[in-house]
Amino acid sequence: MNNNICIVFVCNKQYINNFINSYFDLINNGKYKGDICLVIGNDLKDEIIIKHIEANGVIIKYFE
C-alpha cells in the first residue's frame, strides 16, 4: 500500500454540499486517513465554510 496518497476534490459554490457529503462518506464509511485537498475558485475564496473545512485538516488550494 502506498502511503503517499492524496485525494483531490475540485468544486465551486454550487457543488460545495456535494463535497461535504463526499468528505464525510470518505472519512466515516471509507475510514480514509490520508490527505485530502480541495481546489476552489473565486466564488468560494471568502466563504466561511472554507475555514471550517480547513480546520478539519483539508488542504485548501485556491486558483482564480
PDB file of N, CA and C in Angstrom:
ATOM      1  N   MET A   1       0.840  -1.183   0.000  1.00  0.00           N
ATOM      2  CA  MET A   1       0.000   0.000   0.000  1.00  0.00           C
ATOM      3  C   MET A   1       0.881   1.240   0.000  1.00  0.00           C
ATOM      4  N   ASN A   2       0.540   2.205  -0.809  1.00  0.00           N
ATOM      5  CA  ASN A   2       1.287   3.452  -0.930  1.00  0.00           C
ATOM      6  C   ASN A   2       0.785   4.460   0.102  1.00  0.00           C
ATOM      7  N   ASN A   3       1.678   4.978   0.936  1.00  0.00           N
ATOM      8  CA  ASN A   3       1.300   5.960   1.948  1.00  0.00           C
ATOM      9  C   ASN A   3       1.340   7.388   1.421  1.00  0.00           C
ATOM     10  N   ASN A   4       1.685   7.570   0.169  1.00  0.00           N
ATOM     11  CA  ASN A   4       1.775   8.901  -0.420  1.00  0.00           C
ATOM     12  C   ASN A   4       0.546   9.204  -1.263  1.00  0.00           C
ATOM     13  N   ILE A   5      -0.611   9.025  -0.690  1.00  0.00           N
ATOM     14  CA  ILE A   5      -1.865   9.229  -1.410  1.00  0.00           C
ATOM     15  C   ILE A   5      -2.540  10.499  -0.917  1.00  0.00           C
ATOM     16  N   CYS A   6      -3.051  11.269  -1.856  1.00  0.00           N
ATOM     17  CA  CYS A   6      -3.847  12.449  -1.538  1.00  0.00           C
ATOM     18  C   CYS A   6      -5.063  12.433  -2.459  1.00  0.00           C
ATOM     19  N   ILE A   7      -6.225  12.517  -1.882  1.00  0.00           N
ATOM     20  CA  ILE A   7      -7.447  12.586  -2.674  1.00  0.00           C
ATOM     21  C   ILE A   7      -7.757  14.055  -2.917  1.00  0.00           C
ATOM     22  N   VAL A   8      -8.003  14.411  -4.181  1.00  0.00           N
ATOM     23  CA  VAL A   8      -8.223  15.800  -4.556  1.00  0.00           C
ATOM     24  C   VAL A   8      -9.649  15.970  -5.074  1.00  0.00           C
ATOM     25  N   PHE A   9     -10.315  16.985  -4.544  1.00  0.00           N
ATOM     26  CA  PHE A   9     -11.644  17.372  -4.994  1.00  0.00           C
ATOM     27  C   PHE A   9     -11.549  18.761  -5.601  1.00  0.00           C
ATOM     28  N   VAL A  10     -12.349  19.016  -6.606  1.00  0.00           N
ATOM     29  CA  VAL A  10     -12.451  20.336  -7.218  1.00  0.00           C
ATOM     30  C   VAL A  10     -13.925  20.702  -7.211  1.00  0.00           C
ATOM     31  N   CYS A  11     -14.240  21.876  -6.658  1.00  0.00           N
ATOM     32  CA  CYS A  11     -15.651  22.274  -6.674  1.00  0.00           C
ATOM     33  C   CYS A  11     -15.781  23.789  -6.640  1.00  0.00           C
ATOM     34  N   ASN A  12     -16.969  24.228  -7.014  1.00  0.00           N
ATOM     35  CA  ASN A  12     -17.327  25.636  -6.887  1.00  0.00           C
ATOM     36  C   ASN A  12     -18.456  25.735  -5.873  1.00  0.00           C
ATOM     37  N   LYS A  13     -18.988  26.928  -5.689  1.00  0.00           N
ATOM     38  CA  LYS A  13     -20.007  27.151  -4.666  1.00  0.00           C
ATOM     39  C   LYS A  13     -21.246  26.269  -4.880  1.00  0.00           C
ATOM     40  N   GLN A  14     -21.581  26.030  -6.123  1.00  0.00           N
ATOM     41  CA  GLN A  14     -22.761  25.226  -6.442  1.00  0.00           C
ATOM     42  C   GLN A  14     -22.615  23.779  -5.946  1.00  0.00           C
ATOM     43  N   TYR A  15     -21.389  23.271  -5.857  1.00  0.00           N
ATOM     44  CA  TYR A  15     -21.168  21.872  -5.514  1.00  0.00           C
ATOM     45  C   TYR A  15     -20.524  21.657  -4.145  1.00  0.00           C
ATOM     46  N   ILE A  16     -20.445  22.701  -3.311  1.00  0.00           N
ATOM     47  CA  ILE A  16     -19.785  22.558  -2.017  1.00  0.00           C
ATOM     48  C   ILE A  16     -20.498  21.551  -1.117  1.00  0.00           C
ATOM     49  N   ASN A  17     -21.817  21.481  -1.190  1.00  0.00           N
ATOM     50  CA  ASN A  17     -22.538  20.491  -0.380  1.00  0.00           C
ATOM     51  C   ASN A  17     -22.230  19.066  -0.833  1.00  0.00           C
ATOM     52  N   ASN A  18     -22.024  18.879  -2.125  1.00  0.00           N
ATOM     53  CA  ASN A  18     -21.634  17.557  -2.626  1.00  0.00           C
ATOM     54  C   ASN A  18     -20.256  17.176  -2.091  1.00  0.00           C
ATOM     55  N   PHE A  19     -19.343  18.156  -2.047  1.00  0.00           N
ATOM     56  CA  PHE A  19     -18.023  17.885  -1.475  1.00  0.00           C
ATOM     57  C   PHE A  19     -18.147  17.476  -0.016  1.00  0.00           C
ATOM     58  N   ILE A  20     -18.927  18.219   0.748  1.00  0.00           N
ATOM     59  CA  ILE A  20     -19.071  17.916   2.182  1.00  0.00           C
ATOM     60  C   ILE A  20     -19.612  16.513   2.378  1.00  0.00           C
ATOM     61  N   ASN A  21     -20.618  16.127   1.613  1.00  0.00           N
ATOM     62  CA  ASN A  21     -21.163  14.765   1.710  1.00  0.00           C
ATOM     63  C   ASN A  21     -20.110  13.726   1.345  1.00  0.00           C
ATOM     64  N   SER A  22     -19.373  13.962   0.278  1.00  0.00           N
ATOM     65  CA  SER A  22     -18.327  13.029  -0.144  1.00  0.00           C
ATOM     66  C   SER A  22     -17.215  12.938   0.894  1.00  0.00           C
ATOM     67  N   TYR A  23     -16.859  14.075   1.476  1.00  0.00           N
ATOM     68  CA  TYR A  23     -15.822  14.106   2.512  1.00  0.00           C
ATOM     69  C   TYR A  23     -16.221  13.236   3.703  1.00  0.00           C
ATOM     70  N   PHE A  24     -17.440  13.435   4.213  1.00  0.00           N
ATOM     71  CA  PHE A  24     -17.877  12.648   5.363  1.00  0.00           C
ATOM     72  C   PHE A  24     -18.027  11.172   5.032  1.00  0.00           C
ATOM     73  N   ASP A  25     -18.480  10.847   3.834  1.00  0.00           N
ATOM     74  CA  ASP A  25     -18.549   9.438   3.415  1.00  0.00           C
ATOM     75  C   ASP A  25     -17.157   8.824   3.366  1.00  0.00           C
ATOM     76  N   LEU A  26     -16.212   9.552   2.844  1.00  0.00           N
ATOM     77  CA  LEU A  26     -14.834   9.073   2.732  1.00  0.00           C
ATOM     78  C   LEU A  26     -14.224   8.813   4.112  1.00  0.00           C
ATOM     79  N   ILE A  27     -14.431   9.738   5.031  1.00  0.00           N
ATOM     80  CA  ILE A  27     -13.873   9.621   6.379  1.00  0.00           C
ATOM     81  C   ILE A  27     -14.621   8.579   7.210  1.00  0.00           C
ATOM     82  N   ASN A  28     -15.930   8.656   7.234  1.00  0.00           N
ATOM     83  CA  ASN A  28     -16.728   7.788   8.108  1.00  0.00           C
ATOM     84  C   ASN A  28     -16.943   6.394   7.546  1.00  0.00           C
ATOM     85  N   ASN A  29     -17.386   6.300   6.321  1.00  0.00           N
ATOM     86  CA  ASN A  29     -17.682   4.990   5.727  1.00  0.00           C
ATOM     87  C   ASN A  29     -16.435   4.329   5.151  1.00  0.00           C
ATOM     88  N   GLY A  30     -15.592   5.125   4.518  1.00  0.00           N
ATOM     89  CA  GLY A  30     -14.395   4.587   3.888  1.00  0.00           C
ATOM     90  C   GLY A  30     -13.206   4.460   4.818  1.00  0.00           C
ATOM     91  N   LYS A  31     -13.316   5.057   6.013  1.00  0.00           N
ATOM     92  CA  LYS A  31     -12.234   5.009   7.013  1.00  0.00           C
ATOM     93  C   LYS A  31     -10.912   5.531   6.455  1.00  0.00           C
ATOM     94  N   TYR A  32     -10.991   6.516   5.563  1.00  0.00           N
ATOM     95  CA  TYR A  32      -9.804   7.089   4.934  1.00  0.00           C
ATOM     96  C   TYR A  32      -9.064   7.959   5.936  1.00  0.00           C
ATOM     97  N   LYS A  33      -7.743   7.815   5.993  1.00  0.00           N
ATOM     98  CA  LYS A  33      -6.922   8.551   6.953  1.00  0.00           C
ATOM     99  C   LYS A  33      -5.879   9.443   6.286  1.00  0.00           C
ATOM    100  N   GLY A  34      -5.812   9.457   4.967  1.00  0.00           N
ATOM    101  CA  GLY A  34      -4.772  10.212   4.265  1.00  0.00           C
ATOM    102  C   GLY A  34      -5.138  11.659   4.029  1.00  0.00           C
ATOM    103  N   ASP A  35      -4.324  12.304   3.218  1.00  0.00           N
ATOM    104  CA  ASP A  35      -4.527  13.713   2.887  1.00  0.00           C
ATOM    105  C   ASP A  35      -5.709  13.900   1.945  1.00  0.00           C
ATOM    106  N   ILE A  36      -6.391  15.026   2.137  1.00  0.00           N
ATOM    107  CA  ILE A  36      -7.490  15.431   1.262  1.00  0.00           C
ATOM    108  C   ILE A  36      -7.242  16.882   0.876  1.00  0.00           C
ATOM    109  N   CYS A  37      -7.364  17.168  -0.404  1.00  0.00           N
ATOM    110  CA  CYS A  37      -7.160  18.518  -0.917  1.00  0.00           C
ATOM    111  C   CYS A  37      -8.429  18.969  -1.630  1.00  0.00           C
ATOM    112  N   LEU A  38      -8.814  20.211  -1.394  1.00  0.00           N
ATOM    113  CA  LEU A  38      -9.968  20.804  -2.072  1.00  0.00           C
ATOM    114  C   LEU A  38      -9.480  22.000  -2.873  1.00  0.00           C
ATOM    115  N   VAL A  39      -9.698  21.971  -4.180  1.00  0.00           N
ATOM    116  CA  VAL A  39      -9.332  23.067  -5.068  1.00  0.00           C
ATOM    117  C   VAL A  39     -10.576  23.934  -5.265  1.00  0.00           C
ATOM    118  N   ILE A  40     -10.428  25.237  -4.962  1.00  0.00           N
ATOM    119  CA  ILE A  40     -11.561  26.166  -5.063  1.00  0.00           C
ATOM    120  C   ILE A  40     -11.183  27.348  -5.941  1.00  0.00           C
ATOM    121  N   GLY A  41     -12.205  28.082  -6.354  1.00  0.00           N
ATOM    122  CA  GLY A  41     -12.002  29.282  -7.158  1.00  0.00           C
ATOM    123  C   GLY A  41     -12.544  30.511  -6.460  1.00  0.00           C
ATOM    124  N   ASN A  42     -12.758  31.566  -7.232  1.00  0.00           N
ATOM    125  CA  ASN A  42     -13.178  32.859  -6.694  1.00  0.00           C
ATOM    126  C   ASN A  42     -14.473  32.819  -5.896  1.00  0.00           C
ATOM    127  N   ASP A  43     -15.424  32.004  -6.310  1.00  0.00           N
ATOM    128  CA  ASP A  43     -16.734  32.018  -5.654  1.00  0.00           C
ATOM    129  C   ASP A  43     -16.720  31.422  -4.247  1.00  0.00           C
ATOM    130  N   LEU A  44     -15.661  30.706  -3.876  1.00  0.00           N
ATOM    131  CA  LEU A  44     -15.563  30.142  -2.529  1.00  0.00           C
ATOM    132  C   LEU A  44     -14.433  30.739  -1.703  1.00  0.00           C
ATOM    133  N   LYS A  45     -13.640  31.591  -2.307  1.00  0.00           N
ATOM    134  CA  LYS A  45     -12.433  32.105  -1.654  1.00  0.00           C
ATOM    135  C   LYS A  45     -12.701  32.705  -0.280  1.00  0.00           C
ATOM    136  N   ASP A  46     -13.736  33.502  -0.141  1.00  0.00           N
ATOM    137  CA  ASP A  46     -14.007  34.208   1.102  1.00  0.00           C
ATOM    138  C   ASP A  46     -15.174  33.644   1.899  1.00  0.00           C
ATOM    139  N   GLU A  47     -15.615  32.448   1.574  1.00  0.00           N
ATOM    140  CA  GLU A  47     -16.741  31.834   2.291  1.00  0.00           C
ATOM    141  C   GLU A  47     -16.274  31.263   3.625  1.00  0.00           C
ATOM    142  N   ILE A  48     -17.069  31.452   4.646  1.00  0.00           N
ATOM    143  CA  ILE A  48     -16.736  30.972   5.996  1.00  0.00           C
ATOM    144  C   ILE A  48     -16.659  29.445   6.047  1.00  0.00           C
ATOM    145  N   ILE A  49     -17.427  28.756   5.227  1.00  0.00           N
ATOM    146  CA  ILE A  49     -17.408  27.287   5.226  1.00  0.00           C
ATOM    147  C   ILE A  49     -16.021  26.750   4.894  1.00  0.00           C
ATOM    148  N   ILE A  50     -15.261  27.477   4.097  1.00  0.00           N
ATOM    149  CA  ILE A  50     -13.911  27.037   3.727  1.00  0.00           C
ATOM    150  C   ILE A  50     -13.017  27.007   4.956  1.00  0.00           C
ATOM    151  N   LYS A  51     -13.183  27.972   5.853  1.00  0.00           N
ATOM    152  CA  LYS A  51     -12.396  27.989   7.101  1.00  0.00           C
ATOM    153  C   LYS A  51     -12.716  26.767   7.958  1.00  0.00           C
ATOM    154  N   HIS A  52     -13.977  26.364   7.992  1.00  0.00           N
ATOM    155  CA  HIS A  52     -14.384  25.179   8.760  1.00  0.00           C
ATOM    156  C   HIS A  52     -13.826  23.903   8.131  1.00  0.00           C
ATOM    157  N   ILE A  53     -13.856  23.843   6.822  1.00  0.00           N
ATOM    158  CA  ILE A  53     -13.317  22.673   6.114  1.00  0.00           C
ATOM    159  C   ILE A  53     -11.817  22.566   6.364  1.00  0.00           C
ATOM    160  N   GLU A  54     -11.129  23.685   6.279  1.00  0.00           N
ATOM    161  CA  GLU A  54      -9.687  23.712   6.508  1.00  0.00           C
ATOM    162  C   GLU A  54      -9.346  23.316   7.945  1.00  0.00           C
ATOM    163  N   ALA A  55     -10.180  23.713   8.894  1.00  0.00           N
ATOM    164  CA  ALA A  55      -9.969  23.360  10.305  1.00  0.00           C
ATOM    165  C   ALA A  55     -10.079  21.853  10.541  1.00  0.00           C
ATOM    166  N   ASN A  56     -10.736  21.150   9.633  1.00  0.00           N
ATOM    167  CA  ASN A  56     -10.856  19.694   9.729  1.00  0.00           C
ATOM    168  C   ASN A  56      -9.720  18.973   9.022  1.00  0.00           C
ATOM    169  N   GLY A  57      -8.675  19.694   8.656  1.00  0.00           N
ATOM    170  CA  GLY A  57      -7.489  19.054   8.090  1.00  0.00           C
ATOM    171  C   GLY A  57      -7.453  18.954   6.582  1.00  0.00           C
ATOM    172  N   VAL A  58      -8.431  19.527   5.914  1.00  0.00           N
ATOM    173  CA  VAL A  58      -8.451  19.508   4.452  1.00  0.00           C
ATOM    174  C   VAL A  58      -7.511  20.606   3.940  1.00  0.00           C
ATOM    175  N   ILE A  59      -6.679  20.250   2.988  1.00  0.00           N
ATOM    176  CA  ILE A  59      -5.765  21.203   2.378  1.00  0.00           C
ATOM    177  C   ILE A  59      -6.538  21.980   1.331  1.00  0.00           C
ATOM    178  N   ILE A  60      -6.591  23.303   1.471  1.00  0.00           N
ATOM    179  CA  ILE A  60      -7.309  24.146   0.531  1.00  0.00           C
ATOM    180  C   ILE A  60      -6.319  24.780  -0.441  1.00  0.00           C
ATOM    181  N   LYS A  61      -6.594  24.635  -1.725  1.00  0.00           N
ATOM    182  CA  LYS A  61      -5.787  25.266  -2.762  1.00  0.00           C
ATOM    183  C   LYS A  61      -6.708  26.172  -3.563  1.00  0.00           C
ATOM    184  N   TYR A  62      -6.305  27.419  -3.693  1.00  0.00           N
ATOM    185  CA  TYR A  62      -7.132  28.414  -4.390  1.00  0.00           C
ATOM    186  C   TYR A  62      -6.521  28.739  -5.755  1.00  0.00           C
ATOM    187  N   PHE A  63      -7.365  28.721  -6.774  1.00  0.00           N
ATOM    188  CA  PHE A  63      -6.990  29.152  -8.116  1.00  0.00           C
ATOM    189  C   PHE A  63      -8.065  30.098  -8.619  1.00  0.00           C
ATOM    190  N   GLU A  64      -7.633  31.214  -9.177  1.00  0.00           N
ATOM    191  CA  GLU A  64      -8.598  32.179  -9.718  1.00  0.00           C
ATOM    192  C   GLU A  64      -9.359  31.587 -10.878  1.00  0.00           C
TER     193      GLU A  64
END
